[in-house]
Amino acid sequence: MLRIALLVISSKIVSGEESDQGRDALERMVSELPGTIAAYEIVPDDRKTIRDCLVRFCEEGIADVILTIGGTGVRPTDWAPEATRDVIEKEIPGIGEAMRQESLKKVRTAMLSRGTAGIREATLIVNLPGSPKGARENLAVILPVLDHTVKKIKKT
C-alpha cells in the first residue's frame, strides 16, 4: 500500500475565503489506489512555502508519493511546478506530458497545465490540477505506473 502525502495549494482555503471542498474526494481517490494518507496539508500559493513543505515531507520520509493539488496553471500565483523543480533531483517530464495529453481529449484548456513530476531522495512528487475532478482524472492516467515507479525509486 502506497503512503501518500497530499499538499493542497490554495491561498483562498488557507485564508478561510473558501472551504476545503475537495478533501473527501481526494481521500477517496487515495483509498482507491490502494493507498493511505500519510499527511494532508494546505499551504498558500507561495513558491517558498510550497518548496519548504515538499522538502520537509521528503526529509521526514513520511510518504512514497507526494501529490500536490493546485498551482499548475498560468495565473501569477501558480507556483507548484517551479517549487517542485526547486527541490527534485530528477525530473520525470513524461508524467506531466501524459496527464496533459489525456486531459486534452476532454478539455482544450489542459494545454495550459504546467504540472510536472520528479524524485527527491526516495519520494515521487507529482503535480495535479486544483479541481478534484481534474486531480482524479490526472491521477488515473499515471496510476498504472505509480507502484512500479515507487519500486524503482526505492531500489538502491
Protein backbone atom coordinates (compact mmCIF):
# COMPACT_ATOMS: atom_id res chain seq x y z
CA MET A 1 0.00 0.00 0.00
CA LEU A 2 1.41 3.37 -1.03
CA ARG A 3 1.89 6.10 1.55
CA ILE A 4 0.59 9.31 0.01
CA ALA A 5 1.06 12.89 1.23
CA LEU A 6 -1.44 15.41 -0.13
CA LEU A 7 -0.35 19.03 -0.40
CA VAL A 8 -3.22 21.31 -1.34
CA ILE A 9 -2.01 24.66 -2.69
CA SER A 10 -4.62 27.37 -2.16
CA SER A 11 -4.31 30.78 -0.54
CA LYS A 12 -8.10 31.04 -0.55
CA ILE A 13 -8.52 27.89 1.55
CA VAL A 14 -5.70 28.89 3.93
CA SER A 15 -7.28 32.32 4.48
CA GLY A 16 -10.77 30.86 5.01
CA GLU A 17 -12.09 32.60 1.91
CA GLU A 18 -13.05 29.16 0.52
CA SER A 19 -13.72 25.86 2.26
CA ASP A 20 -11.71 22.74 1.53
CA GLN A 21 -14.43 21.07 -0.52
CA GLY A 22 -12.12 18.63 -2.26
CA ARG A 23 -10.73 16.80 0.75
CA ASP A 24 -13.30 13.95 0.76
CA ALA A 25 -12.82 13.36 -2.96
CA LEU A 26 -9.04 13.36 -2.59
CA GLU A 27 -9.17 10.92 0.33
CA ARG A 28 -11.42 8.59 -1.68
CA MET A 29 -9.05 8.88 -4.62
CA VAL A 30 -6.10 7.79 -2.47
CA SER A 31 -8.01 4.90 -0.88
CA GLU A 32 -8.77 3.56 -4.37
CA LEU A 33 -5.06 3.40 -5.33
CA PRO A 34 -4.77 1.50 -2.86
CA GLY A 35 -3.03 3.93 -0.64
CA THR A 36 -3.09 5.53 2.74
CA ILE A 37 -2.86 9.21 3.54
CA ALA A 38 0.38 9.84 5.39
CA ALA A 39 -0.08 13.62 5.55
CA TYR A 40 -2.59 16.25 4.46
CA GLU A 41 -1.59 19.89 4.45
CA ILE A 42 -2.88 23.10 2.89
CA VAL A 43 -0.44 25.86 2.02
CA PRO A 44 -0.81 29.24 0.32
CA ASP A 45 0.15 29.95 -3.29
CA ASP A 46 3.72 30.85 -2.38
CA ARG A 47 6.75 29.24 -4.02
CA LYS A 48 8.94 29.21 -0.90
CA THR A 49 6.17 27.80 1.32
CA ILE A 50 5.41 25.05 -1.20
CA ARG A 51 9.12 24.27 -1.57
CA ASP A 52 9.66 24.15 2.20
CA CYS A 53 6.74 21.78 2.69
CA LEU A 54 7.92 19.44 -0.08
CA VAL A 55 11.41 19.34 1.44
CA ARG A 56 10.00 18.67 4.93
CA PHE A 57 7.77 15.83 3.68
CA CYS A 58 10.74 14.25 1.87
CA GLU A 59 13.20 14.65 4.74
CA GLU A 60 10.71 13.16 7.20
CA GLY A 61 10.29 10.16 4.88
CA ILE A 62 6.58 10.03 5.61
CA ALA A 63 5.39 9.25 2.08
CA ASP A 64 6.29 7.28 -1.01
CA VAL A 65 4.43 9.82 -3.15
CA ILE A 66 3.58 13.49 -2.63
CA LEU A 67 0.65 14.72 -4.68
CA THR A 68 0.40 18.48 -4.95
CA ILE A 69 -3.09 19.71 -5.83
CA GLY A 70 -3.39 23.14 -7.42
CA GLY A 71 -0.98 25.78 -8.61
CA THR A 72 -0.27 24.21 -12.02
CA GLY A 73 -1.92 26.81 -14.25
CA VAL A 74 -0.85 30.11 -15.73
CA ARG A 75 -2.06 32.55 -13.08
CA PRO A 76 0.59 34.77 -11.50
CA THR A 77 0.09 32.85 -8.22
CA ASP A 78 0.59 29.34 -9.72
CA TRP A 79 3.96 28.06 -8.47
CA ALA A 80 3.67 24.27 -8.00
CA PRO A 81 5.88 23.24 -10.95
CA GLU A 82 8.59 25.77 -10.10
CA ALA A 83 8.60 24.79 -6.42
CA THR A 84 8.75 21.13 -7.43
CA ARG A 85 11.68 21.74 -9.77
CA ASP A 86 13.42 23.65 -6.96
CA VAL A 87 13.50 20.52 -4.78
CA ILE A 88 13.69 17.50 -7.07
CA GLU A 89 16.89 15.75 -8.02
CA LYS A 90 15.45 14.14 -11.17
CA GLU A 91 12.54 15.36 -13.26
CA ILE A 92 10.15 12.90 -14.90
CA PRO A 93 8.63 15.05 -17.67
CA GLY A 94 6.73 12.12 -19.20
CA ILE A 95 4.29 12.12 -16.28
CA GLY A 96 3.19 15.70 -16.90
CA GLU A 97 3.13 15.10 -20.65
CA ALA A 98 0.92 12.01 -20.27
CA MET A 99 -1.53 13.82 -17.99
CA ARG A 100 -1.80 16.77 -20.39
CA GLN A 101 -2.19 14.52 -23.42
CA GLU A 102 -5.08 12.61 -21.87
CA SER A 103 -6.70 15.76 -20.45
CA LEU A 104 -6.63 17.42 -23.88
CA LYS A 105 -9.09 14.77 -25.05
CA LYS A 106 -11.60 16.24 -22.57
CA VAL A 107 -10.84 19.96 -22.32
CA ARG A 108 -8.79 22.26 -24.57
CA THR A 109 -7.50 24.32 -21.65
CA ALA A 110 -5.49 21.29 -20.49
CA MET A 111 -2.67 22.62 -22.65
CA LEU A 112 -2.29 25.42 -20.07
CA SER A 113 -1.46 22.97 -17.30
CA ARG A 114 2.23 23.08 -16.37
CA GLY A 115 2.29 20.20 -13.89
CA THR A 116 5.38 18.05 -13.70
CA ALA A 117 6.81 15.24 -11.59
CA GLY A 118 10.15 14.29 -10.15
CA ILE A 119 12.11 12.47 -7.50
CA ARG A 120 13.67 13.80 -4.32
CA GLU A 121 15.54 11.24 -2.25
CA ALA A 122 13.15 8.25 -2.16
CA THR A 123 9.95 10.21 -2.82
CA LEU A 124 8.00 10.77 -6.02
CA ILE A 125 6.39 14.22 -6.31
CA VAL A 126 3.55 14.74 -8.80
CA ASN A 127 1.69 17.99 -9.54
CA LEU A 128 -2.06 17.59 -10.08
CA PRO A 129 -4.56 20.28 -11.05
CA GLY A 130 -6.61 22.03 -8.39
CA SER A 131 -10.08 20.73 -9.19
CA PRO A 132 -10.95 17.40 -7.54
CA LYS A 133 -12.27 16.11 -10.89
CA GLY A 134 -9.10 17.15 -12.71
CA ALA A 135 -6.90 15.71 -9.97
CA ARG A 136 -8.79 12.40 -10.07
CA GLU A 137 -8.63 12.21 -13.89
CA ASN A 138 -4.92 13.02 -13.98
CA LEU A 139 -4.11 10.54 -11.25
CA ALA A 140 -5.99 7.86 -13.21
CA VAL A 141 -3.60 8.48 -16.12
CA ILE A 142 -0.48 7.75 -14.07
CA LEU A 143 -1.97 5.10 -11.79
CA PRO A 144 -0.82 2.18 -14.00
CA VAL A 145 2.84 3.18 -13.46
CA LEU A 146 2.69 4.63 -9.95
CA ASP A 147 3.54 1.47 -7.97
CA HIS A 148 6.23 0.50 -10.50
CA THR A 149 7.78 3.97 -10.28
CA VAL A 150 7.88 3.90 -6.49
CA LYS A 151 9.50 0.47 -6.52
CA LYS A 152 12.18 1.68 -8.93
CA ILE A 153 12.89 4.76 -6.80
CA LYS A 154 13.29 2.62 -3.66
CA LYS A 155 15.88 0.30 -5.26
CA THR A 156 19.47 1.12 -4.46
